Amino acid sequence: MPEIPRPAIPIAMPIPTGDQLKASRTAAGLSQAQAAELMGYPLQTGSRGGVQSRTWQALESNTDERNMQGPAYAMFLLLTGQHPDYVLAPRPGAAPSVDVP
């Protein structure tokens, strides 16, 4: 039997300021590099040998014109358990799609 499509769920997707993004990242207990890796942003080796994400740094900056787009921010909040209205949960009987330590 074919699966019946579910109606779309309206989710607010505001574009965060750099300060809002930083607050969400720190509330999740993530470094910039960890947050960038979670969201699929590129990582680079920093001048002191550590891993960093220049993209994430720019998104948190108040002087850079780049902002994280609303849908990406909504996904970040969902992935880190911070979305004010929704949580991610597996479908009943679904196997995890990635290995979780």
C-alpha atoms as a PDB file:
ATOM      1  CA  MET A   1       0.000   0.000   0.000  1.00  0.00           C
ATOM      2  CA  PRO A   2       1.490   3.379  -0.960  1.00  0.00           C
ATOM      3  CA  GLU A   3       2.304   5.808   1.806  1.00  0.00           C
ATOM      4  CA  ILE A   4      -0.155   8.661   2.150  1.00  0.00           C
ATOM      5  CA  PRO A   5       1.621  12.023   1.927  1.00  0.00           C
ATOM      6  CA  ARG A   6       1.487  14.088   5.080  1.00  0.00           C
ATOM      7  CA  PRO A   7       0.662  17.779   4.952  1.00  0.00           C
ATOM      8  CA  ALA A   8       3.579  20.177   5.228  1.00  0.00           C
ATOM      9  CA  ILE A   9       4.334  21.439   8.710  1.00  0.00           C
ATOM     10  CA  PRO A  10       4.792  25.201   8.858  1.00  0.00           C
ATOM     11  CA  ILE A  11       8.003  26.038  10.699  1.00  0.00           C
ATOM     12  CA  ALA A  12       9.165  29.564  11.403  1.00  0.00           C
ATOM     13  CA  MET A  13      12.581  30.052   9.808  1.00  0.00           C
ATOM     14  CA  PRO A  14      13.932  33.466  10.773  1.00  0.00           C
ATOM     15  CA  ILE A  15      17.436  34.457   9.729  1.00  0.00           C
ATOM     16  CA  PRO A  16      19.551  34.653  12.903  1.00  0.00           C
ATOM     17  CA  THR A  17      21.904  37.468  13.766  1.00  0.00           C
ATOM     18  CA  GLY A  18      25.509  36.541  14.479  1.00  0.00           C
ATOM     19  CA  ASP A  19      24.839  36.927  18.201  1.00  0.00           C
ATOM     20  CA  GLN A  20      21.781  34.646  18.059  1.00  0.00           C
ATOM     21  CA  LEU A  21      23.736  31.991  16.165  1.00  0.00           C
ATOM     22  CA  LYS A  22      26.606  32.163  18.661  1.00  0.00           C
ATOM     23  CA  ALA A  23      24.183  31.898  21.593  1.00  0.00           C
ATOM     24  CA  SER A  24      22.545  28.831  20.019  1.00  0.00           C
ATOM     25  CA  ARG A  25      25.920  27.209  19.365  1.00  0.00           C
ATOM     26  CA  THR A  26      27.221  27.801  22.871  1.00  0.00           C
ATOM     27  CA  ALA A  27      23.913  26.620  24.395  1.00  0.00           C
ATOM     28  CA  ALA A  28      24.442  23.378  22.480  1.00  0.00           C
ATOM     29  CA  GLY A  29      27.946  23.097  23.960  1.00  0.00           C
ATOM     30  CA  LEU A  30      29.627  23.102  20.548  1.00  0.00           C
ATOM     31  CA  SER A  31      32.780  24.769  19.319  1.00  0.00           C
ATOM     32  CA  GLN A  32      32.602  26.638  16.013  1.00  0.00           C
ATOM     33  CA  ALA A  33      34.350  23.709  14.310  1.00  0.00           C
ATOM     34  CA  GLN A  34      31.921  21.172  15.786  1.00  0.00           C
ATOM     35  CA  ALA A  35      28.907  23.252  14.749  1.00  0.00           C
ATOM     36  CA  ALA A  36      30.323  23.710  11.254  1.00  0.00           C
ATOM     37  CA  GLU A  37      30.943  19.976  10.916  1.00  0.00           C
ATOM     38  CA  LEU A  38      27.385  19.218  12.085  1.00  0.00           C
ATOM     39  CA  MET A  39      25.979  21.512   9.399  1.00  0.00           C
ATOM     40  CA  GLY A  40      28.366  20.420   6.631  1.00  0.00           C
ATOM     41  CA  TYR A  41      30.394  23.633   6.407  1.00  0.00           C
ATOM     42  CA  PRO A  42      34.067  23.329   5.412  1.00  0.00           C
ATOM     43  CA  LEU A  43      36.813  23.047   8.030  1.00  0.00           C
ATOM     44  CA  GLN A  44      40.385  24.312   7.705  1.00  0.00           C
ATOM     45  CA  THR A  45      43.569  23.985   9.706  1.00  0.00           C
ATOM     46  CA  GLY A  46      44.104  27.200  11.640  1.00  0.00           C
ATOM     47  CA  SER A  47      47.335  29.136  12.070  1.00  0.00           C
ATOM     48  CA  ARG A  48      47.941  27.408  15.424  1.00  0.00           C
ATOM     49  CA  GLY A  49      47.286  23.938  14.020  1.00  0.00           C
ATOM     50  CA  GLY A  50      43.734  23.520  15.297  1.00  0.00           C
ATOM     51  CA  VAL A  51      40.666  22.982  13.160  1.00  0.00           C
ATOM     52  CA  GLN A  52      38.461  25.969  12.418  1.00  0.00           C
ATOM     53  CA  SER A  53      35.658  27.040  10.123  1.00  0.00           C
ATOM     54  CA  ARG A  54      36.049  30.428   8.516  1.00  0.00           C
ATOM     55  CA  THR A  55      32.506  30.083   7.182  1.00  0.00           C
ATOM     56  CA  TRP A  56      31.065  29.619  10.680  1.00  0.00           C
ATOM     57  CA  GLN A  57      33.201  32.479  12.003  1.00  0.00           C
ATOM     58  CA  ALA A  58      31.742  34.744   9.311  1.00  0.00           C
ATOM     59  CA  LEU A  59      28.186  33.657  10.136  1.00  0.00           C
ATOM     60  CA  GLU A  60      28.701  34.617  13.801  1.00  0.00           C
ATOM     61  CA  SER A  61      30.400  37.906  12.960  1.00  0.00           C
ATOM     62  CA  ASN A  62      28.511  41.161  13.432  1.00  0.00           C
ATOM     63  CA  THR A  63      30.693  42.870  10.830  1.00  0.00           C
ATOM     64  CA  ASP A  64      30.314  40.312   8.016  1.00  0.00           C
ATOM     65  CA  GLU A  65      27.271  40.687   5.764  1.00  0.00           C
ATOM     66  CA  ARG A  66      26.764  36.903   5.508  1.00  0.00           C
ATOM     67  CA  ASN A  67      24.032  35.320   7.637  1.00  0.00           C
ATOM     68  CA  MET A  68      22.938  31.734   8.040  1.00  0.00           C
ATOM     69  CA  GLN A  69      19.747  31.207   6.059  1.00  0.00           C
ATOM     70  CA  GLY A  70      16.550  30.555   7.995  1.00  0.00           C
ATOM     71  CA  PRO A  71      16.028  26.923   6.903  1.00  0.00           C
ATOM     72  CA  ALA A  72      19.615  26.042   7.859  1.00  0.00           C
ATOM     73  CA  TYR A  73      19.169  27.732  11.252  1.00  0.00           C
ATOM     74  CA  ALA A  74      15.907  25.841  11.854  1.00  0.00           C
ATOM     75  CA  MET A  75      17.760  22.589  11.071  1.00  0.00           C
ATOM     76  CA  PHE A  76      20.607  23.537  13.426  1.00  0.00           C
ATOM     77  CA  LEU A  77      18.080  24.160  16.201  1.00  0.00           C
ATOM     78  CA  LEU A  78      16.376  20.826  15.481  1.00  0.00           C
ATOM     79  CA  LEU A  79      19.675  18.917  15.389  1.00  0.00           C
ATOM     80  CA  THR A  80      20.793  20.418  18.693  1.00  0.00           C
ATOM     81  CA  GLY A  81      17.438  19.996  20.458  1.00  0.00           C
ATOM     82  CA  GLN A  82      16.833  23.738  20.763  1.00  0.00           C
ATOM     83  CA  HIS A  83      13.909  24.344  18.406  1.00  0.00           C
ATOM     84  CA  PRO A  84      11.119  26.032  20.393  1.00  0.00           C
ATOM     85  CA  ASP A  85       8.291  24.035  18.778  1.00  0.00           C
ATOM     86  CA  TYR A  86       9.616  20.762  17.354  1.00  0.00           C
ATOM     87  CA  VAL A  87      11.991  17.882  18.047  1.00  0.00           C
ATOM     88  CA  LEU A  88      13.525  15.382  15.668  1.00  0.00           C
ATOM     89  CA  ALA A  89      12.448  11.815  16.283  1.00  0.00           C
ATOM     90  CA  PRO A  90      12.846   8.657  14.217  1.00  0.00           C
ATOM     91  CA  ARG A  91       9.832   7.199  12.487  1.00  0.00           C
ATOM     92  CA  PRO A  92       8.495   4.120  14.275  1.00  0.00           C
ATOM     93  CA  GLY A  93      10.479   1.095  13.111  1.00  0.00           C
ATOM     94  CA  ALA A  94      13.094   3.203  11.290  1.00  0.00           C
ATOM     95  CA  ALA A  95      16.738   2.246  11.632  1.00  0.00           C
ATOM     96  CA  PRO A  96      19.218   5.080  12.297  1.00  0.00           C
ATOM     97  CA  SER A  97      20.773   6.344   9.073  1.00  0.00           C
ATOM     98  CA  VAL A  98      24.130   7.189  10.698  1.00  0.00           C
ATOM     99  CA  ASP A  99      26.237   5.635  13.421  1.00  0.00           C
ATOM    100  CA  VAL A 100      25.798   7.476  16.704  1.00  0.00           C
ATOM    101  CA  PRO A 101      28.566   6.981  19.265  1.00  0.00           C
END
